[in-house]
């Protein structure tokens, strides 16, 4: 046994690791809440996170997963900043057999979201998946852009975004 009053007799990094494990187990054992599904489609899901975490890939995989459940899906290419993001999402749309709404690189993400939400409503699409650009919480301009997208979605689809996934 060690001295110094560590967690369960441990000191240093082991203590932190054990505390993190306990916290993760507590989170995983917490009650599972059902995912909200609006009474009138579409359900709008934003994918957010920092650069390089896999938001675009996750968007494509979600589209494929929903299609496997026989749901109608529309992808929104709202990452207009990264050069290859739109093309990458096009590949995923093709693989999943879903449509996507896009604009040119450097375009207004809220404008493409407006078009996508309007199209999803007109086509009675069940799932609208919005791939956003990577951003850090410390960049106020990028966070303001995300807030503009949230306002745009909520004006067109009541309660949107219904789900925000941090990737």
C-alpha atoms as a PDB file:
ATOM      1  CA  UNK A   1       0.000   0.000   0.000  1.00  0.00           C
ATOM      2  CA  UNK A   2       1.160   3.498  -0.738  1.00  0.00           C
ATOM      3  CA  UNK A   3       0.948   6.485   1.498  1.00  0.00           C
ATOM      4  CA  UNK A   4      -0.397   9.866   0.555  1.00  0.00           C
ATOM      5  CA  UNK A   5      -4.106   9.064   0.603  1.00  0.00           C
ATOM      6  CA  UNK A   6      -4.588   8.211  -3.045  1.00  0.00           C
ATOM      7  CA  UNK A   7      -7.792   6.719  -4.417  1.00  0.00           C
ATOM      8  CA  UNK A   8      -8.053   3.157  -3.100  1.00  0.00           C
ATOM      9  CA  UNK A   9      -4.386   3.272  -2.101  1.00  0.00           C
ATOM     10  CA  UNK A  10      -3.140   4.467  -5.519  1.00  0.00           C
ATOM     11  CA  UNK A  11      -1.275   7.590  -6.477  1.00  0.00           C
ATOM     12  CA  UNK A  12      -0.567   9.451  -9.689  1.00  0.00           C
ATOM     13  CA  UNK A  13      -2.109   8.633 -13.050  1.00  0.00           C
ATOM     14  CA  UNK A  14      -3.684   5.368 -11.954  1.00  0.00           C
ATOM     15  CA  UNK A  15      -6.037   7.265  -9.661  1.00  0.00           C
ATOM     16  CA  UNK A  16      -7.205   9.509 -12.491  1.00  0.00           C
ATOM     17  CA  UNK A  17      -7.688   6.517 -14.790  1.00  0.00           C
ATOM     18  CA  UNK A  18      -9.786   4.704 -12.213  1.00  0.00           C
ATOM     19  CA  UNK A  19     -11.936   7.795 -11.614  1.00  0.00           C
ATOM     20  CA  UNK A  20     -12.504   8.192 -15.351  1.00  0.00           C
ATOM     21  CA  UNK A  21     -13.494   4.526 -15.663  1.00  0.00           C
ATOM     22  CA  UNK A  22     -15.996   4.893 -12.819  1.00  0.00           C
ATOM     23  CA  UNK A  23     -17.479   8.002 -14.436  1.00  0.00           C
ATOM     24  CA  UNK A  24     -17.804   6.319 -17.842  1.00  0.00           C
ATOM     25  CA  UNK A  25     -19.501   3.268 -16.310  1.00  0.00           C
ATOM     26  CA  UNK A  26     -21.950   5.575 -14.502  1.00  0.00           C
ATOM     27  CA  UNK A  27     -22.773   7.381 -17.771  1.00  0.00           C
ATOM     28  CA  UNK A  28     -23.261   4.121 -19.656  1.00  0.00           C
ATOM     29  CA  UNK A  29     -25.520   2.725 -16.927  1.00  0.00           C
ATOM     30  CA  UNK A  30     -27.684   5.857 -16.785  1.00  0.00           C
ATOM     31  CA  UNK A  31     -31.275   5.486 -17.966  1.00  0.00           C
ATOM     32  CA  UNK A  32     -31.619   5.415 -21.732  1.00  0.00           C
ATOM     33  CA  UNK A  33     -33.959   8.091 -23.034  1.00  0.00           C
ATOM     34  CA  UNK A  34     -35.793   7.487 -26.287  1.00  0.00           C
ATOM     35  CA  UNK A  35     -34.727   9.690 -29.173  1.00  0.00           C
ATOM     36  CA  UNK A  36     -37.301  12.389 -29.831  1.00  0.00           C
ATOM     37  CA  UNK A  37     -39.217  11.962 -33.053  1.00  0.00           C
ATOM     38  CA  UNK A  38     -41.369  14.887 -34.139  1.00  0.00           C
ATOM     39  CA  UNK A  39     -45.001  14.196 -35.019  1.00  0.00           C
ATOM     40  CA  UNK A  40     -44.519  15.877 -38.402  1.00  0.00           C
ATOM     41  CA  UNK A  41     -41.356  15.092 -40.367  1.00  0.00           C
ATOM     42  CA  UNK A  42     -38.594  15.809 -40.926  1.00  0.00           C
ATOM     43  CA  UNK A  43     -36.565  15.044 -37.846  1.00  0.00           C
ATOM     44  CA  UNK A  44     -33.561  17.370 -38.094  1.00  0.00           C
ATOM     45  CA  UNK A  45     -30.197  16.158 -36.795  1.00  0.00           C
ATOM     46  CA  UNK A  46     -27.119  18.406 -36.670  1.00  0.00           C
ATOM     47  CA  UNK A  47     -23.663  16.840 -36.556  1.00  0.00           C
ATOM     48  CA  UNK A  48     -21.202  19.155 -34.830  1.00  0.00           C
ATOM     49  CA  UNK A  49     -17.647  18.930 -33.503  1.00  0.00           C
ATOM     50  CA  UNK A  50     -14.106  20.073 -34.003  1.00  0.00           C
ATOM     51  CA  UNK A  51     -12.132  19.583 -37.214  1.00  0.00           C
ATOM     52  CA  UNK A  52     -11.270  16.034 -38.217  1.00  0.00           C
ATOM     53  CA  UNK A  53     -13.546  14.104 -35.866  1.00  0.00           C
ATOM     54  CA  UNK A  54     -15.567  12.361 -38.580  1.00  0.00           C
ATOM     55  CA  UNK A  55     -18.758  14.416 -38.864  1.00  0.00           C
ATOM     56  CA  UNK A  56     -19.083  13.868 -42.622  1.00  0.00           C
ATOM     57  CA  UNK A  57     -18.388  10.147 -42.345  1.00  0.00           C
ATOM     58  CA  UNK A  58     -20.859   9.844 -39.471  1.00  0.00           C
ATOM     59  CA  UNK A  59     -23.469  11.720 -41.527  1.00  0.00           C
ATOM     60  CA  UNK A  60     -23.061   9.186 -44.314  1.00  0.00           C
ATOM     61  CA  UNK A  61     -23.195   6.231 -41.961  1.00  0.00           C
ATOM     62  CA  UNK A  62     -26.335   7.573 -40.293  1.00  0.00           C
ATOM     63  CA  UNK A  63     -27.953   7.990 -43.703  1.00  0.00           C
ATOM     64  CA  UNK A  64     -27.139   4.376 -44.516  1.00  0.00           C
ATOM     65  CA  UNK A  65     -28.428   3.202 -41.132  1.00  0.00           C
ATOM     66  CA  UNK A  66     -31.746   5.053 -41.534  1.00  0.00           C
ATOM     67  CA  UNK A  67     -32.140   3.753 -45.104  1.00  0.00           C
ATOM     68  CA  UNK A  68     -31.650   0.201 -43.792  1.00  0.00           C
ATOM     69  CA  UNK A  69     -34.682   0.918 -41.593  1.00  0.00           C
ATOM     70  CA  UNK A  70     -36.660   1.963 -44.699  1.00  0.00           C
ATOM     71  CA  UNK A  71     -36.678   5.623 -43.679  1.00  0.00           C
ATOM     72  CA  UNK A  72     -36.440   8.443 -46.180  1.00  0.00           C
ATOM     73  CA  UNK A  73     -33.287  10.511 -45.701  1.00  0.00           C
ATOM     74  CA  UNK A  74     -31.920  13.779 -47.047  1.00  0.00           C
ATOM     75  CA  UNK A  75     -28.339  14.863 -46.438  1.00  0.00           C
ATOM     76  CA  UNK A  76     -27.502  18.560 -46.102  1.00  0.00           C
ATOM     77  CA  UNK A  77     -23.933  19.526 -47.031  1.00  0.00           C
ATOM     78  CA  UNK A  78     -23.608  22.478 -44.642  1.00  0.00           C
ATOM     79  CA  UNK A  79     -19.825  22.096 -44.344  1.00  0.00           C
ATOM     80  CA  UNK A  80     -19.104  24.667 -47.032  1.00  0.00           C
ATOM     81  CA  UNK A  81     -15.683  25.463 -45.577  1.00  0.00           C
ATOM     82  CA  UNK A  82     -13.645  22.280 -46.099  1.00  0.00           C
ATOM     83  CA  UNK A  83     -12.718  21.779 -49.725  1.00  0.00           C
ATOM     84  CA  UNK A  84     -13.516  18.068 -49.987  1.00  0.00           C
ATOM     85  CA  UNK A  85     -16.492  17.949 -47.608  1.00  0.00           C
ATOM     86  CA  UNK A  86     -19.203  18.331 -50.251  1.00  0.00           C
ATOM     87  CA  UNK A  87     -17.624  15.744 -52.543  1.00  0.00           C
ATOM     88  CA  UNK A  88     -17.114  13.339 -49.627  1.00  0.00           C
ATOM     89  CA  UNK A  89     -20.766  13.655 -48.621  1.00  0.00           C
ATOM     90  CA  UNK A  90     -21.800  13.066 -52.248  1.00  0.00           C
ATOM     91  CA  UNK A  91     -19.956   9.737 -52.143  1.00  0.00           C
ATOM     92  CA  UNK A  92     -21.779   8.786 -48.949  1.00  0.00           C
ATOM     93  CA  UNK A  93     -25.131   9.842 -50.437  1.00  0.00           C
ATOM     94  CA  UNK A  94     -24.475   7.607 -53.436  1.00  0.00           C
ATOM     95  CA  UNK A  95     -23.490   4.664 -51.257  1.00  0.00           C
ATOM     96  CA  UNK A  96     -26.593   5.081 -49.125  1.00  0.00           C
ATOM     97  CA  UNK A  97     -28.962   5.723 -52.001  1.00  0.00           C
ATOM     98  CA  UNK A  98     -30.131   9.064 -50.606  1.00  0.00           C
ATOM     99  CA  UNK A  99     -30.320  12.555 -52.022  1.00  0.00           C
ATOM    100  CA  UNK A 100     -28.400  15.550 -50.763  1.00  0.00           C
ATOM    101  CA  UNK A 101     -28.693  19.306 -50.953  1.00  0.00           C
ATOM    102  CA  UNK A 102     -25.487  21.251 -51.482  1.00  0.00           C
ATOM    103  CA  UNK A 103     -24.094  24.596 -52.521  1.00  0.00           C
ATOM    104  CA  UNK A 104     -20.709  25.757 -53.707  1.00  0.00           C
ATOM    105  CA  UNK A 105     -17.670  25.757 -51.453  1.00  0.00           C
ATOM    106  CA  UNK A 106     -17.630  28.956 -49.424  1.00  0.00           C
ATOM    107  CA  UNK A 107     -21.412  29.321 -49.634  1.00  0.00           C
ATOM    108  CA  UNK A 108     -23.660  30.232 -46.710  1.00  0.00           C
ATOM    109  CA  UNK A 109     -24.332  27.094 -44.605  1.00  0.00           C
ATOM    110  CA  UNK A 110     -27.627  28.543 -43.308  1.00  0.00           C
ATOM    111  CA  UNK A 111     -28.796  29.066 -46.910  1.00  0.00           C
ATOM    112  CA  UNK A 112     -28.089  25.452 -47.877  1.00  0.00           C
ATOM    113  CA  UNK A 113     -29.840  24.342 -44.689  1.00  0.00           C
ATOM    114  CA  UNK A 114     -32.835  26.491 -45.631  1.00  0.00           C
ATOM    115  CA  UNK A 115     -32.969  24.776 -49.032  1.00  0.00           C
ATOM    116  CA  UNK A 116     -32.551  21.328 -47.465  1.00  0.00           C
ATOM    117  CA  UNK A 117     -35.228  21.867 -44.803  1.00  0.00           C
ATOM    118  CA  UNK A 118     -37.638  23.228 -47.420  1.00  0.00           C
ATOM    119  CA  UNK A 119     -36.967  20.238 -49.676  1.00  0.00           C
ATOM    120  CA  UNK A 120     -37.332  17.768 -46.801  1.00  0.00           C
ATOM    121  CA  UNK A 121     -40.706  19.229 -45.874  1.00  0.00           C
ATOM    122  CA  UNK A 122     -41.940  19.307 -49.485  1.00  0.00           C
ATOM    123  CA  UNK A 123     -40.840  15.697 -50.084  1.00  0.00           C
ATOM    124  CA  UNK A 124     -42.080  14.438 -46.699  1.00  0.00           C
ATOM    125  CA  UNK A 125     -38.562  13.227 -45.802  1.00  0.00           C
ATOM    126  CA  UNK A 126     -38.341  11.539 -42.399  1.00  0.00           C
ATOM    127  CA  UNK A 127     -34.674  12.267 -41.550  1.00  0.00           C
ATOM    128  CA  UNK A 128     -32.716  15.413 -42.440  1.00  0.00           C
ATOM    129  CA  UNK A 129     -29.053  14.988 -41.513  1.00  0.00           C
ATOM    130  CA  UNK A 130     -27.034  18.198 -41.452  1.00  0.00           C
ATOM    131  CA  UNK A 131     -23.251  17.874 -41.798  1.00  0.00           C
ATOM    132  CA  UNK A 132     -21.680  21.048 -40.372  1.00  0.00           C
ATOM    133  CA  UNK A 133     -18.162  22.445 -40.589  1.00  0.00           C
ATOM    134  CA  UNK A 134     -15.699  21.721 -37.813  1.00  0.00           C
ATOM    135  CA  UNK A 135     -15.403  24.493 -35.259  1.00  0.00           C
ATOM    136  CA  UNK A 136     -13.909  25.290 -31.911  1.00  0.00           C
ATOM    137  CA  UNK A 137     -16.071  26.802 -29.199  1.00  0.00           C
ATOM    138  CA  UNK A 138     -13.515  29.620 -28.860  1.00  0.00           C
ATOM    139  CA  UNK A 139     -14.172  30.910 -32.391  1.00  0.00           C
ATOM    140  CA  UNK A 140     -17.176  33.186 -31.863  1.00  0.00           C
ATOM    141  CA  UNK A 141     -17.795  33.778 -35.586  1.00  0.00           C
ATOM    142  CA  UNK A 142     -18.132  30.050 -36.230  1.00  0.00           C
ATOM    143  CA  UNK A 143     -20.353  29.587 -33.203  1.00  0.00           C
ATOM    144  CA  UNK A 144     -22.548  32.475 -34.410  1.00  0.00           C
ATOM    145  CA  UNK A 145     -22.812  30.671 -37.767  1.00  0.00           C
ATOM    146  CA  UNK A 146     -24.022  27.535 -35.983  1.00  0.00           C
ATOM    147  CA  UNK A 147     -26.575  29.583 -34.051  1.00  0.00           C
ATOM    148  CA  UNK A 148     -27.807  31.094 -37.346  1.00  0.00           C
ATOM    149  CA  UNK A 149     -28.248  27.562 -38.676  1.00  0.00           C
ATOM    150  CA  UNK A 150     -30.203  26.595 -35.558  1.00  0.00           C
ATOM    151  CA  UNK A 151     -32.503  29.604 -35.975  1.00  0.00           C
ATOM    152  CA  UNK A 152     -32.993  28.816 -39.670  1.00  0.00           C
ATOM    153  CA  UNK A 153     -33.905  25.200 -38.939  1.00  0.00           C
ATOM    154  CA  UNK A 154     -36.347  26.141 -36.169  1.00  0.00           C
ATOM    155  CA  UNK A 155     -38.131  28.668 -38.391  1.00  0.00           C
ATOM    156  CA  UNK A 156     -38.832  26.013 -41.019  1.00  0.00           C
ATOM    157  CA  UNK A 157     -39.279  22.915 -38.860  1.00  0.00           C
ATOM    158  CA  UNK A 158     -40.848  23.324 -35.394  1.00  0.00           C
ATOM    159  CA  UNK A 159     -38.497  22.220 -32.626  1.00  0.00           C
ATOM    160  CA  UNK A 160     -35.505  21.775 -34.942  1.00  0.00           C
ATOM    161  CA  UNK A 161     -32.830  20.742 -34.529  1.00  0.00           C
ATOM    162  CA  UNK A 162     -34.390  17.778 -32.776  1.00  0.00           C
ATOM    163  CA  UNK A 163     -31.047  16.132 -32.157  1.00  0.00           C
ATOM    164  CA  UNK A 164     -27.495  17.523 -32.027  1.00  0.00           C
ATOM    165  CA  UNK A 165     -24.749  14.928 -32.128  1.00  0.00           C
ATOM    166  CA  UNK A 166     -21.274  15.916 -30.961  1.00  0.00           C
ATOM    167  CA  UNK A 167     -18.833  13.854 -32.992  1.00  0.00           C
END
